[in-house]
Amino acid sequence: MTTDYKEMIKNTVEKNKVAVFMKGTPDMPQCGFSARVAAILEELNVKFAHVNIFDDHPSILGQLREIYGWPTSPQVFIDGELIGGCDITMEMYESGDLQKKLGLNN
């Protein structure tokens, strides 16, 4: 029997300015893409909620794919909106769009 994590996903996305569904944790990422996203947010001093899709909720990636249609992890949300994964987050960071989206003055 699989657990339906849709409500938990919805709550995490809606109740946190920034939420990241990642492999591992910010302190112990389990893939390079998750590590890069966490490093960018930490460099910007942005507090973010994170969900370890491996340990916390092993079937959550399938639920995320079903809800948002994004096939990979990490998945980054800002103000309830799916921004994308690592590549998009990095591009936005390098262009300054991420900082604008987060309301940061650099």
PDB file of N, CA and C in Angstrom:
ATOM      1  N   MET A   1       0.840  -1.184   0.000  1.00  0.00           N
ATOM      2  CA  MET A   1       0.000   0.000   0.000  1.00  0.00           C
ATOM      3  C   MET A   1       0.881   1.242   0.000  1.00  0.00           C
ATOM      4  N   THR A   2       0.638   2.163  -0.907  1.00  0.00           N
ATOM      5  CA  THR A   2       1.427   3.386  -0.957  1.00  0.00           C
ATOM      6  C   THR A   2       0.708   4.499  -0.220  1.00  0.00           C
ATOM      7  N   THR A   3       1.473   5.337   0.411  1.00  0.00           N
ATOM      8  CA  THR A   3       0.919   6.467   1.140  1.00  0.00           C
ATOM      9  C   THR A   3       0.747   7.633   0.187  1.00  0.00           C
ATOM     10  N   ASP A   4      -0.352   8.347   0.340  1.00  0.00           N
ATOM     11  CA  ASP A   4      -0.607   9.526  -0.476  1.00  0.00           C
ATOM     12  C   ASP A   4      -0.004  10.737   0.227  1.00  0.00           C
ATOM     13  N   TYR A   5       1.026  11.296  -0.382  1.00  0.00           N
ATOM     14  CA  TYR A   5       1.729  12.423   0.218  1.00  0.00           C
ATOM     15  C   TYR A   5       1.283  13.765  -0.348  1.00  0.00           C
ATOM     16  N   LYS A   6       0.213  13.785  -1.131  1.00  0.00           N
ATOM     17  CA  LYS A   6      -0.202  15.023  -1.784  1.00  0.00           C
ATOM     18  C   LYS A   6      -0.478  16.144  -0.789  1.00  0.00           C
ATOM     19  N   GLU A   7      -1.126  15.838   0.307  1.00  0.00           N
ATOM     20  CA  GLU A   7      -1.439  16.868   1.310  1.00  0.00           C
ATOM     21  C   GLU A   7      -0.161  17.399   1.959  1.00  0.00           C
ATOM     22  N   MET A   8       0.778  16.503   2.260  1.00  0.00           N
ATOM     23  CA  MET A   8       2.057  16.929   2.847  1.00  0.00           C
ATOM     24  C   MET A   8       2.824  17.807   1.867  1.00  0.00           C
ATOM     25  N   ILE A   9       2.833  17.437   0.597  1.00  0.00           N
ATOM     26  CA  ILE A   9       3.515  18.238  -0.426  1.00  0.00           C
ATOM     27  C   ILE A   9       2.878  19.616  -0.501  1.00  0.00           C
ATOM     28  N   LYS A  10       1.563  19.642  -0.595  1.00  0.00           N
ATOM     29  CA  LYS A  10       0.824  20.905  -0.682  1.00  0.00           C
ATOM     30  C   LYS A  10       1.128  21.795   0.518  1.00  0.00           C
ATOM     31  N   ASN A  11       1.092  21.228   1.713  1.00  0.00           N
ATOM     32  CA  ASN A  11       1.370  22.011   2.923  1.00  0.00           C
ATOM     33  C   ASN A  11       2.797  22.547   2.933  1.00  0.00           C
ATOM     34  N   THR A  12       3.744  21.723   2.538  1.00  0.00           N
ATOM     35  CA  THR A  12       5.149  22.146   2.513  1.00  0.00           C
ATOM     36  C   THR A  12       5.347  23.291   1.534  1.00  0.00           C
ATOM     37  N   VAL A  13       4.757  23.179   0.368  1.00  0.00           N
ATOM     38  CA  VAL A  13       4.906  24.197  -0.672  1.00  0.00           C
ATOM     39  C   VAL A  13       4.213  25.495  -0.262  1.00  0.00           C
ATOM     40  N   GLU A  14       3.016  25.387   0.310  1.00  0.00           N
ATOM     41  CA  GLU A  14       2.231  26.573   0.638  1.00  0.00           C
ATOM     42  C   GLU A  14       2.690  27.292   1.905  1.00  0.00           C
ATOM     43  N   LYS A  15       3.239  26.571   2.861  1.00  0.00           N
ATOM     44  CA  LYS A  15       3.565  27.166   4.163  1.00  0.00           C
ATOM     45  C   LYS A  15       5.005  27.659   4.268  1.00  0.00           C
ATOM     46  N   ASN A  16       5.795  27.482   3.233  1.00  0.00           N
ATOM     47  CA  ASN A  16       7.192  27.907   3.260  1.00  0.00           C
ATOM     48  C   ASN A  16       7.477  28.780   2.050  1.00  0.00           C
ATOM     49  N   LYS A  17       8.158  29.899   2.281  1.00  0.00           N
ATOM     50  CA  LYS A  17       8.515  30.772   1.161  1.00  0.00           C
ATOM     51  C   LYS A  17       9.334  29.999   0.140  1.00  0.00           C
ATOM     52  N   VAL A  18      10.284  29.189   0.633  1.00  0.00           N
ATOM     53  CA  VAL A  18      11.130  28.371  -0.241  1.00  0.00           C
ATOM     54  C   VAL A  18      11.086  26.933   0.267  1.00  0.00           C
ATOM     55  N   ALA A  19      10.811  26.016  -0.632  1.00  0.00           N
ATOM     56  CA  ALA A  19      10.797  24.596  -0.288  1.00  0.00           C
ATOM     57  C   ALA A  19      11.570  23.830  -1.358  1.00  0.00           C
ATOM     58  N   VAL A  20      12.362  22.882  -0.905  1.00  0.00           N
ATOM     59  CA  VAL A  20      13.159  22.068  -1.822  1.00  0.00           C
ATOM     60  C   VAL A  20      12.918  20.596  -1.505  1.00  0.00           C
ATOM     61  N   PHE A  21      12.477  19.866  -2.496  1.00  0.00           N
ATOM     62  CA  PHE A  21      12.359  18.419  -2.397  1.00  0.00           C
ATOM     63  C   PHE A  21      13.623  17.871  -3.031  1.00  0.00           C
ATOM     64  N   MET A  22      14.466  17.251  -2.213  1.00  0.00           N
ATOM     65  CA  MET A  22      15.816  16.921  -2.648  1.00  0.00           C
ATOM     66  C   MET A  22      16.220  15.513  -2.230  1.00  0.00           C
ATOM     67  N   LYS A  23      17.309  15.067  -2.815  1.00  0.00           N
ATOM     68  CA  LYS A  23      17.915  13.801  -2.419  1.00  0.00           C
ATOM     69  C   LYS A  23      18.899  14.109  -1.296  1.00  0.00           C
ATOM     70  N   GLY A  24      18.561  13.665  -0.096  1.00  0.00           N
ATOM     71  CA  GLY A  24      19.388  13.948   1.062  1.00  0.00           C
ATOM     72  C   GLY A  24      18.916  15.196   1.777  1.00  0.00           C
ATOM     73  N   THR A  25      19.836  15.801   2.512  1.00  0.00           N
ATOM     74  CA  THR A  25      19.551  17.009   3.283  1.00  0.00           C
ATOM     75  C   THR A  25      20.561  18.083   2.890  1.00  0.00           C
ATOM     76  N   PRO A  26      20.327  19.342   3.258  1.00  0.00           N
ATOM     77  CA  PRO A  26      21.313  20.372   2.938  1.00  0.00           C
ATOM     78  C   PRO A  26      22.705  20.052   3.493  1.00  0.00           C
ATOM     79  N   ASP A  27      22.760  19.443   4.677  1.00  0.00           N
ATOM     80  CA  ASP A  27      24.052  19.092   5.273  1.00  0.00           C
ATOM     81  C   ASP A  27      24.663  17.828   4.689  1.00  0.00           C
ATOM     82  N   MET A  28      23.821  16.948   4.191  1.00  0.00           N
ATOM     83  CA  MET A  28      24.278  15.674   3.631  1.00  0.00           C
ATOM     84  C   MET A  28      23.524  15.361   2.339  1.00  0.00           C
ATOM     85  N   PRO A  29      23.738  16.167   1.287  1.00  0.00           N
ATOM     86  CA  PRO A  29      23.045  15.894   0.032  1.00  0.00           C
ATOM     87  C   PRO A  29      23.511  14.565  -0.554  1.00  0.00           C
ATOM     88  N   GLN A  30      22.594  13.893  -1.233  1.00  0.00           N
ATOM     89  CA  GLN A  30      22.915  12.584  -1.797  1.00  0.00           C
ATOM     90  C   GLN A  30      23.020  12.608  -3.316  1.00  0.00           C
ATOM     91  N   CYS A  31      23.106  13.806  -3.883  1.00  0.00           N
ATOM     92  CA  CYS A  31      23.415  13.934  -5.307  1.00  0.00           C
ATOM     93  C   CYS A  31      23.971  15.335  -5.546  1.00  0.00           C
ATOM     94  N   GLY A  32      24.720  15.485  -6.610  1.00  0.00           N
ATOM     95  CA  GLY A  32      25.353  16.763  -6.914  1.00  0.00           C
ATOM     96  C   GLY A  32      24.360  17.874  -7.207  1.00  0.00           C
ATOM     97  N   PHE A  33      23.235  17.538  -7.829  1.00  0.00           N
ATOM     98  CA  PHE A  33      22.239  18.556  -8.154  1.00  0.00           C
ATOM     99  C   PHE A  33      21.611  19.119  -6.884  1.00  0.00           C
ATOM    100  N   SER A  34      21.274  18.236  -5.952  1.00  0.00           N
ATOM    101  CA  SER A  34      20.721  18.682  -4.675  1.00  0.00           C
ATOM    102  C   SER A  34      21.750  19.512  -3.909  1.00  0.00           C
ATOM    103  N   ALA A  35      23.009  19.103  -3.968  1.00  0.00           N
ATOM    104  CA  ALA A  35      24.074  19.850  -3.290  1.00  0.00           C
ATOM    105  C   ALA A  35      24.203  21.254  -3.858  1.00  0.00           C
ATOM    106  N   ARG A  36      24.115  21.396  -5.187  1.00  0.00           N
ATOM    107  CA  ARG A  36      24.247  22.714  -5.813  1.00  0.00           C
ATOM    108  C   ARG A  36      23.107  23.639  -5.425  1.00  0.00           C
ATOM    109  N   VAL A  37      21.885  23.116  -5.443  1.00  0.00           N
ATOM    110  CA  VAL A  37      20.733  23.942  -5.073  1.00  0.00           C
ATOM    111  C   VAL A  37      20.856  24.402  -3.622  1.00  0.00           C
ATOM    112  N   ALA A  38      21.183  23.489  -2.729  1.00  0.00           N
ATOM    113  CA  ALA A  38      21.335  23.844  -1.314  1.00  0.00           C
ATOM    114  C   ALA A  38      22.445  24.879  -1.146  1.00  0.00           C
ATOM    115  N   ALA A  39      23.556  24.715  -1.850  1.00  0.00           N
ATOM    116  CA  ALA A  39      24.678  25.653  -1.743  1.00  0.00           C
ATOM    117  C   ALA A  39      24.284  27.054  -2.221  1.00  0.00           C
ATOM    118  N   ILE A  40      23.526  27.130  -3.302  1.00  0.00           N
ATOM    119  CA  ILE A  40      23.076  28.436  -3.808  1.00  0.00           C
ATOM    120  C   ILE A  40      22.201  29.131  -2.779  1.00  0.00           C
ATOM    121  N   LEU A  41      21.225  28.403  -2.253  1.00  0.00           N
ATOM    122  CA  LEU A  41      20.319  29.010  -1.275  1.00  0.00           C
ATOM    123  C   LEU A  41      21.052  29.399   0.001  1.00  0.00           C
ATOM    124  N   GLU A  42      21.993  28.564   0.434  1.00  0.00           N
ATOM    125  CA  GLU A  42      22.768  28.881   1.633  1.00  0.00           C
ATOM    126  C   GLU A  42      23.678  30.080   1.385  1.00  0.00           C
ATOM    127  N   GLU A  43      24.261  30.182   0.204  1.00  0.00           N
ATOM    128  CA  GLU A  43      25.112  31.327  -0.121  1.00  0.00           C
ATOM    129  C   GLU A  43      24.307  32.628  -0.082  1.00  0.00           C
ATOM    130  N   LEU A  44      23.040  32.547  -0.462  1.00  0.00           N
ATOM    131  CA  LEU A  44      22.166  33.719  -0.445  1.00  0.00           C
ATOM    132  C   LEU A  44      21.539  33.962   0.930  1.00  0.00           C
ATOM    133  N   ASN A  45      21.894  33.112   1.896  1.00  0.00           N
ATOM    134  CA  ASN A  45      21.331  33.189   3.254  1.00  0.00           C
ATOM    135  C   ASN A  45      19.812  33.086   3.255  1.00  0.00           C
ATOM    136  N   VAL A  46      19.297  32.193   2.416  1.00  0.00           N
ATOM    137  CA  VAL A  46      17.867  31.971   2.314  1.00  0.00           C
ATOM    138  C   VAL A  46      17.498  30.758   3.153  1.00  0.00           C
ATOM    139  N   LYS A  47      16.568  30.953   4.073  1.00  0.00           N
ATOM    140  CA  LYS A  47      16.051  29.815   4.835  1.00  0.00           C
ATOM    141  C   LYS A  47      15.087  29.067   3.934  1.00  0.00           C
ATOM    142  N   PHE A  48      15.181  27.742   3.961  1.00  0.00           N
ATOM    143  CA  PHE A  48      14.291  26.946   3.131  1.00  0.00           C
ATOM    144  C   PHE A  48      13.928  25.642   3.814  1.00  0.00           C
ATOM    145  N   ALA A  49      12.702  25.232   3.567  1.00  0.00           N
ATOM    146  CA  ALA A  49      12.267  23.924   4.038  1.00  0.00           C
ATOM    147  C   ALA A  49      12.795  22.892   3.051  1.00  0.00           C
ATOM    148  N   HIS A  50      13.143  21.739   3.565  1.00  0.00           N
ATOM    149  CA  HIS A  50      13.591  20.686   2.665  1.00  0.00           C
ATOM    150  C   HIS A  50      12.930  19.370   3.055  1.00  0.00           C
ATOM    151  N   VAL A  51      12.710  18.558   2.055  1.00  0.00           N
ATOM    152  CA  VAL A  51      12.185  17.217   2.253  1.00  0.00           C
ATOM    153  C   VAL A  51      13.136  16.267   1.555  1.00  0.00           C
ATOM    154  N   ASN A  52      13.650  15.320   2.318  1.00  0.00           N
ATOM    155  CA  ASN A  52      14.537  14.300   1.779  1.00  0.00           C
ATOM    156  C   ASN A  52      13.666  13.237   1.118  1.00  0.00           C
ATOM    157  N   ILE A  53      13.673  13.207  -0.198  1.00  0.00           N
ATOM    158  CA  ILE A  53      12.786  12.282  -0.903  1.00  0.00           C
ATOM    159  C   ILE A  53      13.212  10.821  -0.741  1.00  0.00           C
ATOM    160  N   PHE A  54      14.412  10.585  -0.246  1.00  0.00           N
ATOM    161  CA  PHE A  54      14.853   9.211  -0.005  1.00  0.00           C
ATOM    162  C   PHE A  54      14.411   8.720   1.368  1.00  0.00           C
ATOM    163  N   ASP A  55      14.876   9.390   2.421  1.00  0.00           N
ATOM    164  CA  ASP A  55      14.651   8.886   3.772  1.00  0.00           C
ATOM    165  C   ASP A  55      13.290   9.262   4.343  1.00  0.00           C
ATOM    166  N   ASP A  56      12.878  10.517   4.156  1.00  0.00           N
ATOM    167  CA  ASP A  56      11.644  10.968   4.774  1.00  0.00           C
ATOM    168  C   ASP A  56      10.416  10.344   4.117  1.00  0.00           C
ATOM    169  N   HIS A  57      10.416  10.330   2.804  1.00  0.00           N
ATOM    170  CA  HIS A  57       9.234   9.897   2.070  1.00  0.00           C
ATOM    171  C   HIS A  57       9.666   9.233   0.756  1.00  0.00           C
ATOM    172  N   PRO A  58       9.979   7.953   0.793  1.00  0.00           N
ATOM    173  CA  PRO A  58      10.549   7.306  -0.379  1.00  0.00           C
ATOM    174  C   PRO A  58       9.683   7.315  -1.636  1.00  0.00           C
ATOM    175  N   SER A  59       8.372   7.454  -1.529  1.00  0.00           N
ATOM    176  CA  SER A  59       7.532   7.453  -2.730  1.00  0.00           C
ATOM    177  C   SER A  59       7.109   8.860  -3.146  1.00  0.00           C
ATOM    178  N   ILE A  60       7.692   9.867  -2.530  1.00  0.00           N
ATOM    179  CA  ILE A  60       7.252  11.235  -2.783  1.00  0.00           C
ATOM    180  C   ILE A  60       7.589  11.729  -4.186  1.00  0.00           C
ATOM    181  N   LEU A  61       8.680  11.284  -4.779  1.00  0.00           N
ATOM    182  CA  LEU A  61       9.039  11.766  -6.110  1.00  0.00           C
ATOM    183  C   LEU A  61       7.944  11.432  -7.122  1.00  0.00           C
ATOM    184  N   GLY A  62       7.372  10.257  -7.017  1.00  0.00           N
ATOM    185  CA  GLY A  62       6.263   9.895  -7.903  1.00  0.00           C
ATOM    186  C   GLY A  62       5.068  10.814  -7.717  1.00  0.00           C
ATOM    187  N   GLN A  63       4.788  11.178  -6.481  1.00  0.00           N
ATOM    188  CA  GLN A  63       3.688  12.105  -6.200  1.00  0.00           C
ATOM    189  C   GLN A  63       3.998  13.495  -6.764  1.00  0.00           C
ATOM    190  N   LEU A  64       5.234  13.949  -6.589  1.00  0.00           N
ATOM    191  CA  LEU A  64       5.629  15.254  -7.140  1.00  0.00           C
ATOM    192  C   LEU A  64       5.492  15.255  -8.657  1.00  0.00           C
ATOM    193  N   ARG A  65       5.925  14.188  -9.296  1.00  0.00           N
ATOM    194  CA  ARG A  65       5.810  14.083 -10.758  1.00  0.00           C
ATOM    195  C   ARG A  65       4.346  14.156 -11.184  1.00  0.00           C
ATOM    196  N   GLU A  66       3.497  13.463 -10.444  1.00  0.00           N
ATOM    197  CA  GLU A  66       2.067  13.437 -10.769  1.00  0.00           C
ATOM    198  C   GLU A  66       1.437  14.824 -10.616  1.00  0.00           C
ATOM    199  N   ILE A  67       1.766  15.532  -9.557  1.00  0.00           N
ATOM    200  CA  ILE A  67       1.151  16.832  -9.284  1.00  0.00           C
ATOM    201  C   ILE A  67       1.696  17.921 -10.204  1.00  0.00           C
ATOM    202  N   TYR A  68       3.030  18.001 -10.321  1.00  0.00           N
ATOM    203  CA  TYR A  68       3.660  19.137 -10.993  1.00  0.00           C
ATOM    204  C   TYR A  68       4.226  18.819 -12.377  1.00  0.00           C
ATOM    205  N   GLY A  69       4.332  17.542 -12.709  1.00  0.00           N
ATOM    206  CA  GLY A  69       4.827  17.170 -14.026  1.00  0.00           C
ATOM    207  C   GLY A  69       6.322  17.368 -14.217  1.00  0.00           C
ATOM    208  N   TRP A  70       7.047  17.580 -13.129  1.00  0.00           N
ATOM    209  CA  TRP A  70       8.500  17.768 -13.215  1.00  0.00           C
ATOM    210  C   TRP A  70       9.152  16.425 -12.910  1.00  0.00           C
ATOM    211  N   PRO A  71       9.947  15.877 -13.820  1.00  0.00           N
ATOM    212  CA  PRO A  71      10.391  14.492 -13.687  1.00  0.00           C
ATOM    213  C   PRO A  71      11.582  14.234 -12.774  1.00  0.00           C
ATOM    214  N   THR A  72      12.321  15.258 -12.412  1.00  0.00           N
ATOM    215  CA  THR A  72      13.571  15.026 -11.695  1.00  0.00           C
ATOM    216  C   THR A  72      13.593  15.740 -10.346  1.00  0.00           C
ATOM    217  N   SER A  73      14.607  15.462  -9.581  1.00  0.00           N
ATOM    218  CA  SER A  73      14.832  16.180  -8.330  1.00  0.00           C
ATOM    219  C   SER A  73      16.251  16.737  -8.365  1.00  0.00           C
ATOM    220  N   PRO A  74      16.482  17.802  -7.641  1.00  0.00           N
ATOM    221  CA  PRO A  74      15.580  18.471  -6.715  1.00  0.00           C
ATOM    222  C   PRO A  74      14.498  19.255  -7.449  1.00  0.00           C
ATOM    223  N   GLN A  75      13.445  19.560  -6.686  1.00  0.00           N
ATOM    224  CA  GLN A  75      12.390  20.444  -7.166  1.00  0.00           C
ATOM    225  C   GLN A  75      12.334  21.622  -6.209  1.00  0.00           C
ATOM    226  N   VAL A  76      12.459  22.820  -6.774  1.00  0.00           N
ATOM    227  CA  VAL A  76      12.534  24.048  -5.976  1.00  0.00           C
ATOM    228  C   VAL A  76      11.243  24.845  -6.152  1.00  0.00           C
ATOM    229  N   PHE A  77      10.659  25.240  -5.031  1.00  0.00           N
ATOM    230  CA  PHE A  77       9.439  26.043  -5.024  1.00  0.00           C
ATOM    231  C   PHE A  77       9.710  27.358  -4.306  1.00  0.00           C
ATOM    232  N   ILE A  78       9.229  28.447  -4.885  1.00  0.00           N
ATOM    233  CA  ILE A  78       9.310  29.763  -4.251  1.00  0.00           C
ATOM    234  C   ILE A  78       7.912  30.360  -4.275  1.00  0.00           C
ATOM    235  N   ASP A  79       7.442  30.771  -3.103  1.00  0.00           N
ATOM    236  CA  ASP A  79       6.100  31.350  -2.974  1.00  0.00           C
ATOM    237  C   ASP A  79       5.035  30.454  -3.608  1.00  0.00           C
ATOM    238  N   GLY A  80       5.153  29.153  -3.386  1.00  0.00           N
ATOM    239  CA  GLY A  80       4.161  28.207  -3.872  1.00  0.00           C
ATOM    240  C   GLY A  80       4.277  27.833  -5.332  1.00  0.00           C
ATOM    241  N   GLU A  81       5.242  28.392  -6.028  1.00  0.00           N
ATOM    242  CA  GLU A  81       5.408  28.147  -7.462  1.00  0.00           C
ATOM    243  C   GLU A  81       6.614  27.248  -7.712  1.00  0.00           C
ATOM    244  N   LEU A  82       6.422  26.237  -8.550  1.00  0.00           N
ATOM    245  CA  LEU A  82       7.539  25.384  -8.945  1.00  0.00           C
ATOM    246  C   LEU A  82       8.456  26.179  -9.857  1.00  0.00           C
ATOM    247  N   ILE A  83       9.696  26.373  -9.410  1.00  0.00           N
ATOM    248  CA  ILE A  83      10.702  27.085 -10.203  1.00  0.00           C
ATOM    249  C   ILE A  83      11.352  26.115 -11.184  1.00  0.00           C
ATOM    250  N   GLY A  84      11.661  24.922 -10.688  1.00  0.00           N
ATOM    251  CA  GLY A  84      12.298  23.912 -11.516  1.00  0.00           C
ATOM    252  C   GLY A  84      13.333  23.161 -10.710  1.00  0.00           C
ATOM    253  N   GLY A  85      14.312  22.648 -11.420  1.00  0.00           N
ATOM    254  CA  GLY A  85      15.356  21.865 -10.787  1.00  0.00           C
ATOM    255  C   GLY A  85      16.657  22.627 -10.680  1.00  0.00           C
ATOM    256  N   CYS A  86      17.731  21.896 -10.648  1.00  0.00           N
ATOM    257  CA  CYS A  86      19.061  22.468 -10.443  1.00  0.00           C
ATOM    258  C   CYS A  86      19.463  23.417 -11.568  1.00  0.00           C
ATOM    259  N   ASP A  87      19.310  22.985 -12.816  1.00  0.00           N
ATOM    260  CA  ASP A  87      19.768  23.811 -13.939  1.00  0.00           C
ATOM    261  C   ASP A  87      19.058  25.163 -13.969  1.00  0.00           C
ATOM    262  N   ILE A  88      17.752  25.142 -13.795  1.00  0.00           N
ATOM    263  CA  ILE A  88      16.989  26.392 -13.818  1.00  0.00           C
ATOM    264  C   ILE A  88      17.366  27.262 -12.627  1.00  0.00           C
ATOM    265  N   THR A  89      17.519  26.667 -11.466  1.00  0.00           N
ATOM    266  CA  THR A  89      17.914  27.425 -10.273  1.00  0.00           C
ATOM    267  C   THR A  89      19.280  28.070 -10.485  1.00  0.00           C
ATOM    268  N   MET A  90      20.226  27.319 -11.060  1.00  0.00           N
ATOM    269  CA  MET A  90      21.558  27.871 -11.320  1.00  0.00           C
ATOM    270  C   MET A  90      21.504  29.007 -12.333  1.00  0.00           C
ATOM    271  N   GLU A  91      20.737  28.827 -13.408  1.00  0.00           N
ATOM    272  CA  GLU A  91      20.604  29.882 -14.423  1.00  0.00           C
ATOM    273  C   GLU A  91      20.001  31.150 -13.816  1.00  0.00           C
ATOM    274  N   MET A  92      18.972  30.968 -13.010  1.00  0.00           N
ATOM    275  CA  MET A  92      18.327  32.124 -12.371  1.00  0.00           C
ATOM    276  C   MET A  92      19.293  32.819 -11.411  1.00  0.00           C
ATOM    277  N   TYR A  93      20.080  32.023 -10.682  1.00  0.00           N
ATOM    278  CA  TYR A  93      21.057  32.583  -9.749  1.00  0.00           C
ATOM    279  C   TYR A  93      22.106  33.403 -10.497  1.00  0.00           C
ATOM    280  N   GLU A  94      22.637  32.834 -11.581  1.00  0.00           N
ATOM    281  CA  GLU A  94      23.696  33.510 -12.340  1.00  0.00           C
ATOM    282  C   GLU A  94      23.208  34.781 -13.020  1.00  0.00           C
ATOM    283  N   SER A  95      21.928  34.818 -13.413  1.00  0.00           N
ATOM    284  CA  SER A  95      21.379  36.005 -14.076  1.00  0.00           C
ATOM    285  C   SER A  95      20.866  37.043 -13.085  1.00  0.00           C
ATOM    286  N   GLY A  96      20.725  36.656 -11.815  1.00  0.00           N
ATOM    287  CA  GLY A  96      20.173  37.554 -10.813  1.00  0.00           C
ATOM    288  C   GLY A  96      18.661  37.425 -10.660  1.00  0.00           C
ATOM    289  N   ASP A  97      18.035  36.616 -11.521  1.00  0.00           N
ATOM    290  CA  ASP A  97      16.582  36.446 -11.443  1.00  0.00           C
ATOM    291  C   ASP A  97      16.146  35.723 -10.168  1.00  0.00           C
ATOM    292  N   LEU A  98      16.968  34.824  -9.675  1.00  0.00           N
ATOM    293  CA  LEU A  98      16.631  34.114  -8.444  1.00  0.00           C
ATOM    294  C   LEU A  98      16.585  35.093  -7.278  1.00  0.00           C
ATOM    295  N   GLN A  99      17.600  35.954  -7.205  1.00  0.00           N
ATOM    296  CA  GLN A  99      17.641  36.934  -6.138  1.00  0.00           C
ATOM    297  C   GLN A  99      16.419  37.851  -6.195  1.00  0.00           C
ATOM    298  N   LYS A 100      16.014  38.243  -7.398  1.00  0.00           N
ATOM    299  CA  LYS A 100      14.810  39.078  -7.562  1.00  0.00           C
ATOM    300  C   LYS A 100      13.567  38.321  -7.106  1.00  0.00           C
ATOM    301  N   LYS A 101      13.461  37.067  -7.526  1.00  0.00           N
ATOM    302  CA  LYS A 101      12.308  36.255  -7.161  1.00  0.00           C
ATOM    303  C   LYS A 101      12.212  36.092  -5.650  1.00  0.00           C
ATOM    304  N   LEU A 102      13.356  36.040  -4.994  1.00  0.00           N
ATOM    305  CA  LEU A 102      13.399  35.882  -3.542  1.00  0.00           C
ATOM    306  C   LEU A 102      13.270  37.210  -2.802  1.00  0.00           C
ATOM    307  N   GLY A 103      13.280  38.304  -3.533  1.00  0.00           N
ATOM    308  CA  GLY A 103      13.154  39.611  -2.908  1.00  0.00           C
ATOM    309  C   GLY A 103      14.426  40.076  -2.226  1.00  0.00           C
ATOM    310  N   LEU A 104      15.561  39.617  -2.721  1.00  0.00           N
ATOM    311  CA  LEU A 104      16.847  39.985  -2.122  1.00  0.00           C
ATOM    312  C   LEU A 104      17.430  41.194  -2.835  1.00  0.00           C
ATOM    313  N   ASN A 105      18.078  42.052  -2.101  1.00  0.00           N
ATOM    314  CA  ASN A 105      18.763  43.212  -2.675  1.00  0.00           C
ATOM    315  C   ASN A 105      20.259  42.927  -2.696  1.00  0.00           C
ATOM    316  N   ASN A 106      20.781  42.688  -3.877  1.00  0.00           N
ATOM    317  CA  ASN A 106      22.220  42.402  -3.982  1.00  0.00           C
ATOM    318  C   ASN A 106      22.948  43.562  -4.582  1.00  0.00           C
TER     319      ASN A 106
END
